[in-house]
Amino acid sequence: MPLSYKARRRWSLIILVIGLPVYAVLAVNLVAILPALPKFLEFIMYVILGTAWAFPLKFVFQGIGQADPDAE
């Protein structure tokens, strides 16, 4: 069952306000736990972790900036 437009708007707000900061803290802690890496590899890890959160949640954010398709 696909999410309605209103549900996707609510979930996207919750994800961006609560989930993304929590994910950022976890990602920074994950990189800090690893042994000392060259700066370039550390940068690559941050880029990968910084974009990886969006792919599983792509369906939630699709069409959020547009008008409500269910409204008349």
N, C-alpha and C. Protein backbone atom coordinates (compact mmCIF):
# COMPACT_ATOMS: atom_id res chain seq x y z
N MET A 1 0.83 -1.18 0.00
CA MET A 1 0.00 0.00 0.00
C MET A 1 0.88 1.24 0.00
N PRO A 2 0.78 2.06 -1.03
CA PRO A 2 1.61 3.27 -1.09
C PRO A 2 1.12 4.32 -0.08
N LEU A 3 2.05 5.15 0.35
CA LEU A 3 1.72 6.21 1.29
C LEU A 3 0.98 7.33 0.59
N SER A 4 0.05 7.96 1.28
CA SER A 4 -0.64 9.11 0.73
C SER A 4 0.31 10.31 0.70
N TYR A 5 -0.11 11.34 0.01
CA TYR A 5 0.72 12.55 -0.10
C TYR A 5 0.95 13.16 1.29
N LYS A 6 -0.10 13.25 2.10
CA LYS A 6 0.03 13.83 3.44
C LYS A 6 0.96 12.99 4.31
N ALA A 7 0.85 11.68 4.21
CA ALA A 7 1.71 10.80 5.01
C ALA A 7 3.16 10.95 4.58
N ARG A 8 3.39 11.04 3.28
CA ARG A 8 4.77 11.22 2.80
C ARG A 8 5.33 12.56 3.27
N ARG A 9 4.50 13.62 3.29
CA ARG A 9 4.96 14.93 3.77
C ARG A 9 5.33 14.85 5.24
N ARG A 10 4.50 14.19 6.03
CA ARG A 10 4.78 14.07 7.47
C ARG A 10 6.05 13.25 7.70
N TRP A 11 6.16 12.11 7.02
CA TRP A 11 7.34 11.26 7.20
C TRP A 11 8.60 11.97 6.73
N SER A 12 8.52 12.72 5.65
CA SER A 12 9.71 13.42 5.18
C SER A 12 10.16 14.47 6.19
N LEU A 13 9.22 15.15 6.83
CA LEU A 13 9.58 16.12 7.86
C LEU A 13 10.22 15.44 9.06
N ILE A 14 9.65 14.34 9.50
CA ILE A 14 10.21 13.60 10.63
C ILE A 14 11.61 13.10 10.30
N ILE A 15 11.78 12.59 9.09
CA ILE A 15 13.09 12.07 8.68
C ILE A 15 14.12 13.18 8.65
N LEU A 16 13.76 14.34 8.10
CA LEU A 16 14.72 15.42 7.98
C LEU A 16 15.03 16.11 9.31
N VAL A 17 14.05 16.22 10.19
CA VAL A 17 14.26 16.93 11.45
C VAL A 17 14.86 16.04 12.53
N ILE A 18 14.46 14.79 12.57
CA ILE A 18 14.92 13.89 13.64
C ILE A 18 15.91 12.86 13.10
N GLY A 19 15.54 12.18 12.04
CA GLY A 19 16.33 11.06 11.55
C GLY A 19 17.68 11.46 10.98
N LEU A 20 17.73 12.52 10.20
CA LEU A 20 18.98 12.91 9.57
C LEU A 20 20.05 13.36 10.57
N PRO A 21 19.71 14.18 11.57
CA PRO A 21 20.74 14.50 12.58
C PRO A 21 21.24 13.28 13.35
N VAL A 22 20.34 12.37 13.67
CA VAL A 22 20.75 11.14 14.37
C VAL A 22 21.68 10.32 13.47
N TYR A 23 21.33 10.21 12.19
CA TYR A 23 22.17 9.48 11.25
C TYR A 23 23.54 10.15 11.11
N ALA A 24 23.58 11.48 11.08
CA ALA A 24 24.86 12.18 10.95
C ALA A 24 25.76 11.91 12.15
N VAL A 25 25.20 11.92 13.35
CA VAL A 25 25.99 11.62 14.55
C VAL A 25 26.51 10.19 14.49
N LEU A 26 25.65 9.25 14.09
CA LEU A 26 26.10 7.86 13.98
C LEU A 26 27.18 7.69 12.93
N ALA A 27 27.06 8.38 11.80
CA ALA A 27 28.07 8.27 10.75
C ALA A 27 29.41 8.82 11.21
N VAL A 28 29.39 9.96 11.89
CA VAL A 28 30.65 10.55 12.38
C VAL A 28 31.28 9.63 13.42
N ASN A 29 30.47 9.06 14.30
CA ASN A 29 31.01 8.13 15.30
C ASN A 29 31.56 6.87 14.66
N LEU A 30 30.92 6.39 13.61
CA LEU A 30 31.42 5.21 12.91
C LEU A 30 32.80 5.47 12.30
N VAL A 31 32.97 6.61 11.69
CA VAL A 31 34.27 6.94 11.09
C VAL A 31 35.30 7.17 12.18
N ALA A 32 34.90 7.73 13.31
CA ALA A 32 35.84 7.98 14.40
C ALA A 32 36.31 6.68 15.06
N ILE A 33 35.46 5.65 15.06
CA ILE A 33 35.83 4.37 15.67
C ILE A 33 36.90 3.65 14.86
N LEU A 34 36.86 3.83 13.55
CA LEU A 34 37.81 3.15 12.68
C LEU A 34 39.23 3.62 12.96
N PRO A 35 40.22 2.77 12.67
CA PRO A 35 41.61 3.21 12.86
C PRO A 35 41.92 4.39 11.94
N ALA A 36 42.99 5.08 12.24
CA ALA A 36 43.36 6.27 11.48
C ALA A 36 43.50 5.94 10.00
N LEU A 37 42.76 6.66 9.19
CA LEU A 37 42.78 6.47 7.74
C LEU A 37 43.37 7.71 7.08
N PRO A 38 43.89 7.56 5.87
CA PRO A 38 44.31 8.76 5.14
C PRO A 38 43.11 9.69 4.92
N LYS A 39 43.39 10.97 4.88
CA LYS A 39 42.33 11.98 4.76
C LYS A 39 41.46 11.75 3.53
N PHE A 40 42.05 11.31 2.43
CA PHE A 40 41.27 11.08 1.22
C PHE A 40 40.25 9.96 1.41
N LEU A 41 40.66 8.86 2.03
CA LEU A 41 39.73 7.75 2.29
C LEU A 41 38.64 8.15 3.28
N GLU A 42 39.02 8.96 4.26
CA GLU A 42 38.03 9.45 5.23
C GLU A 42 37.01 10.33 4.52
N PHE A 43 37.46 11.16 3.62
CA PHE A 43 36.56 12.02 2.84
C PHE A 43 35.61 11.17 1.99
N ILE A 44 36.14 10.14 1.35
CA ILE A 44 35.32 9.26 0.52
C ILE A 44 34.26 8.56 1.39
N MET A 45 34.64 8.14 2.59
CA MET A 45 33.67 7.50 3.48
C MET A 45 32.55 8.47 3.86
N TYR A 46 32.90 9.73 4.15
CA TYR A 46 31.88 10.72 4.48
C TYR A 46 30.96 10.98 3.30
N VAL A 47 31.50 11.01 2.10
CA VAL A 47 30.66 11.22 0.92
C VAL A 47 29.70 10.05 0.74
N ILE A 48 30.19 8.84 0.88
CA ILE A 48 29.34 7.66 0.73
C ILE A 48 28.27 7.62 1.82
N LEU A 49 28.67 7.84 3.07
CA LEU A 49 27.70 7.82 4.16
C LEU A 49 26.73 9.01 4.06
N GLY A 50 27.18 10.12 3.51
CA GLY A 50 26.32 11.29 3.38
C GLY A 50 25.25 11.14 2.33
N THR A 51 25.47 10.30 1.35
CA THR A 51 24.46 10.09 0.31
C THR A 51 23.70 8.78 0.48
N ALA A 52 24.23 7.85 1.26
CA ALA A 52 23.62 6.53 1.37
C ALA A 52 22.25 6.56 2.04
N TRP A 53 21.99 7.52 2.91
CA TRP A 53 20.71 7.56 3.60
C TRP A 53 19.56 7.88 2.65
N ALA A 54 19.83 8.57 1.57
CA ALA A 54 18.76 9.05 0.69
C ALA A 54 18.19 7.94 -0.20
N PHE A 55 18.98 6.98 -0.59
CA PHE A 55 18.51 5.97 -1.54
C PHE A 55 17.40 5.08 -0.99
N PRO A 56 17.49 4.58 0.24
CA PRO A 56 16.37 3.77 0.73
C PRO A 56 15.10 4.58 0.99
N LEU A 57 15.25 5.89 1.19
CA LEU A 57 14.11 6.74 1.52
C LEU A 57 13.63 7.58 0.33
N LYS A 58 14.09 7.26 -0.84
CA LYS A 58 13.77 8.04 -2.02
C LYS A 58 12.27 8.12 -2.28
N PHE A 59 11.55 7.02 -2.05
CA PHE A 59 10.11 7.00 -2.33
C PHE A 59 9.34 7.95 -1.42
N VAL A 60 9.87 8.24 -0.22
CA VAL A 60 9.18 9.15 0.70
C VAL A 60 9.26 10.59 0.19
N PHE A 61 10.38 10.95 -0.42
CA PHE A 61 10.61 12.33 -0.80
C PHE A 61 10.14 12.66 -2.22
N GLN A 62 9.77 11.69 -3.00
CA GLN A 62 9.36 11.96 -4.38
C GLN A 62 8.04 12.72 -4.41
N GLY A 63 8.04 13.88 -5.09
CA GLY A 63 6.84 14.65 -5.30
C GLY A 63 6.41 15.50 -4.13
N ILE A 64 7.22 15.62 -3.09
CA ILE A 64 6.83 16.38 -1.91
C ILE A 64 6.77 17.88 -2.21
N GLY A 65 7.62 18.39 -3.07
CA GLY A 65 7.64 19.82 -3.37
C GLY A 65 6.55 20.26 -4.31
N GLN A 66 5.78 19.35 -4.83
CA GLN A 66 4.72 19.69 -5.77
C GLN A 66 3.39 19.82 -5.05
N ALA A 67 2.40 20.32 -5.76
CA ALA A 67 1.06 20.45 -5.18
C ALA A 67 0.49 19.07 -4.90
N ASP A 68 -0.46 19.03 -3.97
CA ASP A 68 -1.10 17.78 -3.60
C ASP A 68 -1.89 17.22 -4.78
N PRO A 69 -1.52 16.03 -5.28
CA PRO A 69 -2.22 15.49 -6.43
C PRO A 69 -3.64 15.02 -6.09
N ASP A 70 -3.94 14.80 -4.81
CA ASP A 70 -5.25 14.34 -4.40
C ASP A 70 -6.23 15.49 -4.17
N ALA A 71 -5.70 16.71 -4.04
CA ALA A 71 -6.58 17.87 -3.80
C ALA A 71 -7.32 18.23 -5.07
N GLU A 72 -8.50 18.75 -4.87
CA GLU A 72 -9.32 19.13 -6.03
C GLU A 72 -9.30 20.63 -6.25
